[in-house]
N, C-alpha and C. Protein backbone atom coordinates (compact mmCIF):
# COMPACT_ATOMS: atom_id res chain seq x y z
N UNK A 1 258.79 3.47 109.61
CA UNK A 1 257.70 4.20 110.23
C UNK A 1 256.36 3.76 109.64
N UNK A 2 256.35 3.35 108.38
CA UNK A 2 255.11 2.88 107.75
C UNK A 2 254.57 1.67 108.51
N UNK A 3 255.45 0.77 108.95
CA UNK A 3 255.01 -0.41 109.68
C UNK A 3 254.35 0.00 111.00
N UNK A 4 254.92 0.97 111.70
CA UNK A 4 254.33 1.46 112.95
C UNK A 4 252.95 2.03 112.67
N UNK A 5 252.81 2.84 111.61
CA UNK A 5 251.52 3.44 111.29
C UNK A 5 250.49 2.36 110.99
N UNK A 6 250.86 1.37 110.19
CA UNK A 6 249.94 0.28 109.88
C UNK A 6 249.56 -0.47 111.14
N UNK A 7 250.53 -0.71 112.00
CA UNK A 7 250.26 -1.44 113.23
C UNK A 7 249.35 -0.63 114.15
N UNK A 8 249.55 0.68 114.18
CA UNK A 8 248.70 1.53 115.01
C UNK A 8 247.23 1.41 114.62
N UNK A 9 246.97 1.32 113.34
CA UNK A 9 245.59 1.24 112.88
C UNK A 9 244.90 0.00 113.45
N UNK A 10 245.61 -1.12 113.44
CA UNK A 10 245.05 -2.34 113.99
C UNK A 10 244.93 -2.24 115.50
N UNK A 11 245.96 -1.74 116.13
CA UNK A 11 245.98 -1.68 117.58
C UNK A 11 244.92 -0.73 118.11
N UNK A 12 244.71 0.38 117.42
CA UNK A 12 243.68 1.31 117.86
C UNK A 12 242.34 0.60 117.95
N UNK A 13 242.06 -0.19 116.96
CA UNK A 13 240.79 -0.90 116.95
C UNK A 13 240.74 -1.95 118.07
N UNK A 14 241.88 -2.38 118.56
CA UNK A 14 241.92 -3.42 119.57
C UNK A 14 242.35 -2.90 120.94
N UNK A 15 242.64 -1.65 121.03
CA UNK A 15 242.97 -0.99 122.28
C UNK A 15 244.08 -1.67 123.08
N UNK A 16 245.30 -1.39 122.74
CA UNK A 16 246.41 -1.85 123.54
C UNK A 16 247.15 -0.64 124.09
N UNK A 17 247.45 -0.60 125.40
CA UNK A 17 248.07 0.59 126.00
C UNK A 17 249.19 0.27 126.96
N UNK A 18 249.71 1.30 127.67
CA UNK A 18 250.87 1.27 128.55
C UNK A 18 250.69 0.36 129.76
N UNK A 19 251.82 -0.20 130.24
CA UNK A 19 251.77 -1.18 131.32
C UNK A 19 251.50 -0.55 132.67
N UNK A 20 250.79 -1.31 133.49
CA UNK A 20 250.52 -0.96 134.87
C UNK A 20 250.58 -2.25 135.67
N UNK A 21 250.69 -2.13 136.96
CA UNK A 21 250.67 -3.35 137.77
C UNK A 21 249.27 -3.94 137.77
N UNK A 22 249.19 -5.26 137.99
CA UNK A 22 247.90 -5.92 138.03
C UNK A 22 247.05 -5.42 139.19
N UNK A 23 247.69 -4.85 140.23
CA UNK A 23 246.95 -4.34 141.37
C UNK A 23 246.05 -3.18 140.97
N UNK A 24 246.45 -2.41 139.94
CA UNK A 24 245.68 -1.26 139.49
C UNK A 24 244.62 -1.64 138.46
N UNK A 25 244.70 -2.84 137.93
CA UNK A 25 243.84 -3.25 136.85
C UNK A 25 242.38 -3.37 137.30
N UNK A 26 241.49 -2.62 136.67
CA UNK A 26 240.07 -2.75 137.02
C UNK A 26 239.54 -4.08 136.49
N UNK A 27 238.71 -4.73 137.27
CA UNK A 27 238.13 -6.01 136.83
C UNK A 27 236.86 -5.79 136.03
N UNK A 28 236.20 -4.67 136.29
CA UNK A 28 234.99 -4.31 135.54
C UNK A 28 235.08 -2.82 135.22
N UNK A 29 234.79 -2.47 134.00
CA UNK A 29 234.87 -1.07 133.56
C UNK A 29 233.47 -0.54 133.30
N UNK A 30 233.17 0.58 133.92
CA UNK A 30 231.92 1.28 133.64
C UNK A 30 232.02 1.85 132.23
N UNK A 31 231.17 1.42 131.30
CA UNK A 31 231.30 1.88 129.92
C UNK A 31 231.20 3.40 129.76
N UNK A 32 230.49 4.06 130.65
CA UNK A 32 230.38 5.52 130.56
C UNK A 32 231.75 6.20 130.72
N UNK A 33 232.67 5.55 131.44
CA UNK A 33 234.00 6.14 131.68
C UNK A 33 234.89 6.09 130.45
N UNK A 34 234.61 5.23 129.51
CA UNK A 34 235.47 5.14 128.33
C UNK A 34 234.90 5.91 127.14
N UNK A 35 233.69 6.39 127.28
CA UNK A 35 233.06 7.13 126.19
C UNK A 35 233.75 8.48 126.00
N UNK A 36 233.96 8.87 124.75
CA UNK A 36 234.53 10.18 124.47
C UNK A 36 235.71 10.14 123.53
N UNK A 37 236.43 11.26 123.45
CA UNK A 37 237.60 11.42 122.57
C UNK A 37 238.87 11.10 123.33
N UNK A 38 239.65 10.19 122.80
CA UNK A 38 240.92 9.79 123.40
C UNK A 38 242.04 10.01 122.40
N UNK A 39 243.17 10.53 122.88
CA UNK A 39 244.35 10.77 122.06
C UNK A 39 245.42 9.77 122.45
N UNK A 40 246.04 9.13 121.46
CA UNK A 40 247.12 8.19 121.76
C UNK A 40 248.35 9.00 122.13
N UNK A 41 248.84 8.84 123.36
CA UNK A 41 250.01 9.59 123.81
C UNK A 41 251.26 8.72 123.92
N UNK A 42 251.10 7.39 123.89
CA UNK A 42 252.27 6.51 123.90
C UNK A 42 251.86 5.15 123.37
N UNK A 43 252.74 4.58 122.60
CA UNK A 43 252.59 3.19 122.16
C UNK A 43 253.96 2.54 122.24
N UNK A 44 253.99 1.39 122.92
CA UNK A 44 255.27 0.70 123.04
C UNK A 44 255.04 -0.80 123.09
N UNK A 45 256.07 -1.51 122.74
CA UNK A 45 255.99 -2.97 122.76
C UNK A 45 256.97 -3.56 121.78
N UNK A 46 256.61 -4.72 121.26
CA UNK A 46 257.46 -5.40 120.29
C UNK A 46 256.57 -6.23 119.37
N UNK A 47 257.14 -6.54 118.21
CA UNK A 47 256.48 -7.45 117.28
C UNK A 47 257.57 -8.21 116.53
N UNK A 48 257.23 -9.39 116.08
CA UNK A 48 258.18 -10.17 115.30
C UNK A 48 258.36 -9.56 113.92
N UNK A 49 259.59 -9.66 113.40
CA UNK A 49 259.91 -9.21 112.06
C UNK A 49 259.86 -10.44 111.15
N UNK A 50 259.02 -10.40 110.15
CA UNK A 50 258.91 -11.51 109.20
C UNK A 50 258.17 -12.71 109.77
N UNK A 51 258.04 -13.73 108.93
CA UNK A 51 257.29 -14.92 109.31
C UNK A 51 258.08 -15.88 110.19
N UNK A 52 259.39 -15.80 110.16
CA UNK A 52 260.21 -16.74 110.92
C UNK A 52 260.12 -16.53 112.43
N UNK A 53 259.71 -15.36 112.85
CA UNK A 53 259.57 -15.00 114.27
C UNK A 53 260.87 -15.23 115.05
N UNK A 54 262.00 -14.95 114.39
CA UNK A 54 263.29 -15.11 115.07
C UNK A 54 263.94 -13.77 115.41
N UNK A 55 263.29 -12.68 115.03
CA UNK A 55 263.81 -11.35 115.33
C UNK A 55 262.66 -10.46 115.78
N UNK A 56 262.91 -9.69 116.84
CA UNK A 56 261.89 -8.80 117.37
C UNK A 56 262.21 -7.35 117.03
N UNK A 57 261.17 -6.61 116.71
CA UNK A 57 261.27 -5.18 116.49
C UNK A 57 260.62 -4.52 117.69
N UNK A 58 261.36 -3.71 118.42
CA UNK A 58 260.83 -3.01 119.59
C UNK A 58 260.51 -1.57 119.22
N UNK A 59 259.43 -1.04 119.80
CA UNK A 59 259.04 0.33 119.52
C UNK A 59 258.56 1.00 120.79
N UNK A 60 258.75 2.31 120.85
CA UNK A 60 258.30 3.14 121.97
C UNK A 60 258.16 4.56 121.44
N UNK A 61 256.95 4.95 121.11
CA UNK A 61 256.69 6.25 120.50
C UNK A 61 255.80 7.08 121.43
N UNK A 62 256.16 8.34 121.61
CA UNK A 62 255.39 9.26 122.44
C UNK A 62 254.82 10.35 121.55
N UNK A 63 253.59 10.75 121.84
CA UNK A 63 252.90 11.78 121.07
C UNK A 63 252.40 12.84 122.03
N UNK A 64 252.57 14.10 121.65
CA UNK A 64 252.17 15.22 122.49
C UNK A 64 251.09 16.04 121.79
N UNK A 65 250.20 16.61 122.61
CA UNK A 65 249.09 17.41 122.10
C UNK A 65 248.96 18.67 122.94
N UNK A 66 248.50 19.74 122.31
CA UNK A 66 248.20 20.93 123.10
C UNK A 66 246.80 20.80 123.69
N UNK A 67 246.34 21.79 124.42
CA UNK A 67 245.05 21.73 125.10
C UNK A 67 243.85 21.65 124.17
N UNK A 68 244.04 21.97 122.88
CA UNK A 68 242.95 21.89 121.91
C UNK A 68 242.99 20.58 121.11
N UNK A 69 243.87 19.66 121.50
CA UNK A 69 243.95 18.38 120.80
C UNK A 69 244.73 18.43 119.50
N UNK A 70 245.58 19.44 119.35
CA UNK A 70 246.42 19.55 118.16
C UNK A 70 247.78 18.92 118.48
N UNK A 71 248.25 17.98 117.64
CA UNK A 71 249.55 17.36 117.92
C UNK A 71 250.68 18.38 117.80
N UNK A 72 251.64 18.27 118.69
CA UNK A 72 252.82 19.13 118.69
C UNK A 72 254.05 18.25 118.87
N UNK A 73 255.19 18.73 118.43
CA UNK A 73 256.43 18.00 118.61
C UNK A 73 256.82 17.18 117.39
N UNK A 74 257.64 16.16 117.64
CA UNK A 74 258.28 15.40 116.58
C UNK A 74 257.37 14.43 115.82
N UNK A 75 256.45 13.79 116.48
CA UNK A 75 255.70 12.69 115.86
C UNK A 75 254.32 13.08 115.35
N UNK A 76 254.13 14.30 114.91
CA UNK A 76 252.78 14.71 114.52
C UNK A 76 252.25 13.92 113.33
N UNK A 77 253.15 13.44 112.47
CA UNK A 77 252.69 12.70 111.29
C UNK A 77 252.02 11.38 111.67
N UNK A 78 252.34 10.82 112.83
CA UNK A 78 251.75 9.55 113.27
C UNK A 78 250.70 9.75 114.36
N UNK A 79 250.34 10.99 114.65
CA UNK A 79 249.37 11.27 115.71
C UNK A 79 247.99 10.69 115.36
N UNK A 80 247.35 10.13 116.38
CA UNK A 80 246.03 9.55 116.18
C UNK A 80 245.14 9.83 117.37
N UNK A 81 243.84 9.85 117.09
CA UNK A 81 242.86 9.93 118.17
C UNK A 81 241.74 8.96 117.85
N UNK A 82 241.00 8.58 118.87
CA UNK A 82 239.85 7.71 118.67
C UNK A 82 238.66 8.27 119.43
N UNK A 83 237.49 8.11 118.85
CA UNK A 83 236.24 8.43 119.52
C UNK A 83 235.60 7.10 119.89
N UNK A 84 235.20 6.98 121.13
CA UNK A 84 234.56 5.76 121.61
C UNK A 84 233.12 6.09 121.93
N UNK A 85 232.22 5.36 121.29
CA UNK A 85 230.80 5.52 121.53
C UNK A 85 230.24 4.21 122.07
N UNK A 86 229.67 4.27 123.25
CA UNK A 86 229.12 3.09 123.89
C UNK A 86 227.69 2.88 123.41
N UNK A 87 227.44 1.66 122.97
CA UNK A 87 226.10 1.31 122.50
C UNK A 87 225.35 0.52 123.56
N UNK A 88 224.51 -0.34 123.12
CA UNK A 88 223.62 -1.09 124.01
C UNK A 88 224.33 -2.27 124.67
N UNK A 89 223.72 -2.74 125.74
CA UNK A 89 224.18 -3.93 126.44
C UNK A 89 223.59 -5.14 125.75
N UNK A 90 224.42 -6.13 125.46
CA UNK A 90 223.99 -7.37 124.83
C UNK A 90 223.94 -8.44 125.91
N UNK A 91 222.73 -8.80 126.34
CA UNK A 91 222.60 -9.77 127.43
C UNK A 91 223.08 -11.16 127.00
N UNK A 92 223.04 -11.47 125.73
CA UNK A 92 223.51 -12.77 125.25
C UNK A 92 225.00 -12.99 125.46
N UNK A 93 225.79 -11.93 125.22
CA UNK A 93 227.24 -12.03 125.41
C UNK A 93 227.69 -11.36 126.70
N UNK A 94 226.73 -10.76 127.43
CA UNK A 94 227.03 -10.01 128.65
C UNK A 94 228.12 -8.97 128.42
N UNK A 95 227.95 -8.23 127.33
CA UNK A 95 228.93 -7.21 126.97
C UNK A 95 228.23 -6.01 126.35
N UNK A 96 228.97 -4.91 126.29
CA UNK A 96 228.48 -3.69 125.66
C UNK A 96 229.01 -3.62 124.23
N UNK A 97 228.19 -3.14 123.34
CA UNK A 97 228.62 -2.87 121.97
C UNK A 97 229.31 -1.51 121.96
N UNK A 98 230.50 -1.47 121.41
CA UNK A 98 231.31 -0.26 121.41
C UNK A 98 231.70 0.07 119.97
N UNK A 99 231.46 1.31 119.55
CA UNK A 99 231.94 1.75 118.24
C UNK A 99 233.19 2.59 118.45
N UNK A 100 234.21 2.28 117.67
CA UNK A 100 235.47 3.02 117.74
C UNK A 100 235.72 3.66 116.38
N UNK A 101 235.91 4.97 116.40
CA UNK A 101 236.18 5.72 115.18
C UNK A 101 237.57 6.32 115.32
N UNK A 102 238.46 5.98 114.40
CA UNK A 102 239.83 6.48 114.51
C UNK A 102 240.08 7.58 113.47
N UNK A 103 240.98 8.49 113.87
CA UNK A 103 241.35 9.63 113.04
C UNK A 103 242.87 9.75 113.03
N UNK A 104 243.40 10.29 111.95
CA UNK A 104 244.82 10.62 111.88
C UNK A 104 244.96 12.11 111.65
N UNK A 105 246.11 12.65 112.05
CA UNK A 105 246.35 14.08 111.89
C UNK A 105 246.92 14.35 110.51
N UNK A 106 246.30 15.26 109.79
CA UNK A 106 246.81 15.69 108.49
C UNK A 106 247.60 16.97 108.71
N UNK A 107 248.91 16.86 108.60
CA UNK A 107 249.77 18.02 108.81
C UNK A 107 249.56 19.06 107.71
N UNK A 108 249.24 18.62 106.50
CA UNK A 108 249.07 19.57 105.40
C UNK A 108 247.82 20.44 105.58
N UNK A 109 246.71 19.83 106.03
CA UNK A 109 245.49 20.63 106.21
C UNK A 109 245.28 21.03 107.67
N UNK A 110 246.15 20.56 108.54
CA UNK A 110 246.10 20.87 109.97
C UNK A 110 244.72 20.57 110.57
N UNK A 111 244.25 19.33 110.31
CA UNK A 111 242.98 18.89 110.87
C UNK A 111 242.97 17.37 110.99
N UNK A 112 242.04 16.88 111.80
CA UNK A 112 241.86 15.44 111.95
C UNK A 112 241.07 14.92 110.78
N UNK A 113 241.52 13.81 110.21
CA UNK A 113 240.85 13.17 109.07
C UNK A 113 240.39 11.78 109.49
N UNK A 114 239.20 11.41 109.03
CA UNK A 114 238.66 10.09 109.33
C UNK A 114 239.60 9.01 108.80
N UNK A 115 239.82 7.99 109.61
CA UNK A 115 240.67 6.88 109.21
C UNK A 115 239.85 5.62 108.99
N UNK A 116 239.22 5.13 110.05
CA UNK A 116 238.39 3.94 109.95
C UNK A 116 237.50 3.84 111.18
N UNK A 117 236.50 2.97 111.08
CA UNK A 117 235.65 2.73 112.24
C UNK A 117 235.36 1.25 112.32
N UNK A 118 234.97 0.81 113.49
CA UNK A 118 234.66 -0.59 113.69
C UNK A 118 233.99 -0.78 115.02
N UNK A 119 233.49 -1.98 115.23
CA UNK A 119 232.82 -2.30 116.48
C UNK A 119 233.57 -3.39 117.22
N UNK A 120 233.63 -3.24 118.53
CA UNK A 120 234.18 -4.24 119.43
C UNK A 120 233.18 -4.41 120.56
N UNK A 121 233.45 -5.36 121.43
CA UNK A 121 232.61 -5.54 122.61
C UNK A 121 233.45 -5.21 123.84
N UNK A 122 232.81 -4.69 124.87
CA UNK A 122 233.44 -4.47 126.16
C UNK A 122 232.81 -5.44 127.14
N UNK A 123 233.61 -6.36 127.63
CA UNK A 123 233.14 -7.34 128.61
C UNK A 123 234.09 -7.31 129.79
N UNK A 124 233.58 -6.88 130.94
CA UNK A 124 234.44 -6.75 132.12
C UNK A 124 235.44 -5.64 131.90
N UNK A 125 236.71 -6.03 131.75
CA UNK A 125 237.78 -5.06 131.48
C UNK A 125 238.47 -5.35 130.15
N UNK A 126 237.77 -6.04 129.25
CA UNK A 126 238.40 -6.40 127.98
C UNK A 126 237.59 -5.91 126.79
N UNK A 127 238.34 -5.40 125.80
CA UNK A 127 237.79 -5.13 124.49
C UNK A 127 237.97 -6.40 123.69
N UNK A 128 236.93 -6.86 123.04
CA UNK A 128 236.98 -8.12 122.31
C UNK A 128 236.56 -7.88 120.87
N UNK A 129 237.39 -8.34 119.95
CA UNK A 129 237.09 -8.28 118.53
C UNK A 129 237.39 -9.65 117.95
N UNK A 130 236.36 -10.49 117.83
CA UNK A 130 236.58 -11.86 117.39
C UNK A 130 237.38 -12.62 118.44
N UNK A 131 238.53 -13.15 118.03
CA UNK A 131 239.39 -13.86 118.99
C UNK A 131 240.43 -12.95 119.63
N UNK A 132 240.52 -11.71 119.17
CA UNK A 132 241.50 -10.76 119.72
C UNK A 132 240.93 -10.11 120.97
N UNK A 133 241.78 -9.98 121.99
CA UNK A 133 241.38 -9.32 123.23
C UNK A 133 242.44 -8.34 123.65
N UNK A 134 241.98 -7.21 124.18
CA UNK A 134 242.87 -6.20 124.76
C UNK A 134 242.31 -5.84 126.12
N UNK A 135 243.17 -5.87 127.11
CA UNK A 135 242.75 -5.65 128.49
C UNK A 135 243.00 -4.21 128.90
N UNK A 136 242.00 -3.59 129.53
CA UNK A 136 242.18 -2.27 130.10
C UNK A 136 242.92 -2.46 131.42
N UNK A 137 244.16 -1.98 131.47
CA UNK A 137 245.00 -2.16 132.65
C UNK A 137 244.83 -1.04 133.65
N UNK A 138 244.48 0.15 133.15
CA UNK A 138 244.33 1.31 134.03
C UNK A 138 243.29 2.23 133.40
N UNK A 139 242.45 2.82 134.25
CA UNK A 139 241.46 3.75 133.77
C UNK A 139 241.20 4.81 134.82
N UNK A 140 241.43 6.07 134.43
CA UNK A 140 241.08 7.21 135.27
C UNK A 140 240.19 8.11 134.42
N UNK A 141 239.82 9.26 134.95
CA UNK A 141 238.99 10.19 134.18
C UNK A 141 239.70 10.71 132.93
N UNK A 142 241.04 10.76 132.96
CA UNK A 142 241.78 11.34 131.85
C UNK A 142 242.79 10.40 131.19
N UNK A 143 243.01 9.21 131.72
CA UNK A 143 243.98 8.29 131.14
C UNK A 143 243.43 6.87 131.09
N UNK A 144 243.78 6.18 130.02
CA UNK A 144 243.42 4.78 129.87
C UNK A 144 244.63 4.05 129.30
N UNK A 145 244.88 2.89 129.84
CA UNK A 145 245.98 2.06 129.37
C UNK A 145 245.44 0.68 129.03
N UNK A 146 245.78 0.20 127.84
CA UNK A 146 245.39 -1.15 127.46
C UNK A 146 246.62 -1.97 127.11
N UNK A 147 246.42 -3.28 127.11
CA UNK A 147 247.51 -4.22 126.84
C UNK A 147 246.97 -5.33 125.95
N UNK A 148 247.75 -5.67 124.95
CA UNK A 148 247.40 -6.77 124.07
C UNK A 148 248.63 -7.61 123.80
N UNK A 149 248.45 -8.91 123.88
CA UNK A 149 249.52 -9.84 123.52
C UNK A 149 248.91 -10.90 122.63
N UNK A 150 249.61 -11.17 121.51
CA UNK A 150 249.19 -12.25 120.63
C UNK A 150 250.45 -12.94 120.11
N UNK A 151 250.30 -13.83 119.18
CA UNK A 151 251.45 -14.61 118.71
C UNK A 151 252.47 -13.76 117.96
N UNK A 152 252.06 -12.56 117.52
CA UNK A 152 252.96 -11.70 116.76
C UNK A 152 253.64 -10.62 117.59
N UNK A 153 253.22 -10.43 118.85
CA UNK A 153 253.85 -9.38 119.64
C UNK A 153 253.04 -8.99 120.85
N UNK A 154 253.48 -7.89 121.43
CA UNK A 154 252.89 -7.38 122.67
C UNK A 154 252.89 -5.86 122.57
N UNK A 155 251.76 -5.24 122.91
CA UNK A 155 251.66 -3.79 122.76
C UNK A 155 250.95 -3.16 123.94
N UNK A 156 251.46 -2.03 124.38
CA UNK A 156 250.85 -1.20 125.39
C UNK A 156 250.58 0.16 124.73
N UNK A 157 249.37 0.69 124.91
CA UNK A 157 249.05 2.01 124.37
C UNK A 157 248.43 2.85 125.49
N UNK A 158 248.87 4.07 125.58
CA UNK A 158 248.31 5.01 126.54
C UNK A 158 247.46 6.03 125.80
N UNK A 159 246.26 6.21 126.27
CA UNK A 159 245.32 7.18 125.72
C UNK A 159 245.08 8.27 126.77
N UNK A 160 244.87 9.50 126.33
CA UNK A 160 244.61 10.61 127.21
C UNK A 160 243.41 11.40 126.71
N UNK A 161 242.53 11.78 127.65
CA UNK A 161 241.44 12.72 127.33
C UNK A 161 241.94 14.10 127.71
N UNK A 162 241.78 15.06 126.83
CA UNK A 162 242.24 16.42 127.12
C UNK A 162 241.13 17.22 127.76
């Protein structure tokens, strides 16, 4: 479970979410639609185990929240949320500056605790952090799905606004 938690921290910053058909995939995302508090409700995919890349570890975790954003159910120890703040448009890169602040649920104090923050860019339908890219596959007023694939694995994450 520690590996999943560590992986979630990286993935949150890179926004990888649940699969959707390419027909639903938005080609351009209005940055105002992604602004706000998002709760990770599902993360699934696979990653290689070890450096040899000859064995895959598959994961599929679901997280539930009540109407006040409090995690409920089995996986509360791994519950996470992110706040997305849209910054200015950068005409040089033709992208928006996005700040992502992640939080984890502290079961002992029953509150959200700051985890980490970072900046990415939003260009079209992709979050970009250096050479890493995560594609927004689906976006509604209350759900967002991203997808990321790299040499180490493939991840889909579903976020929900309550």
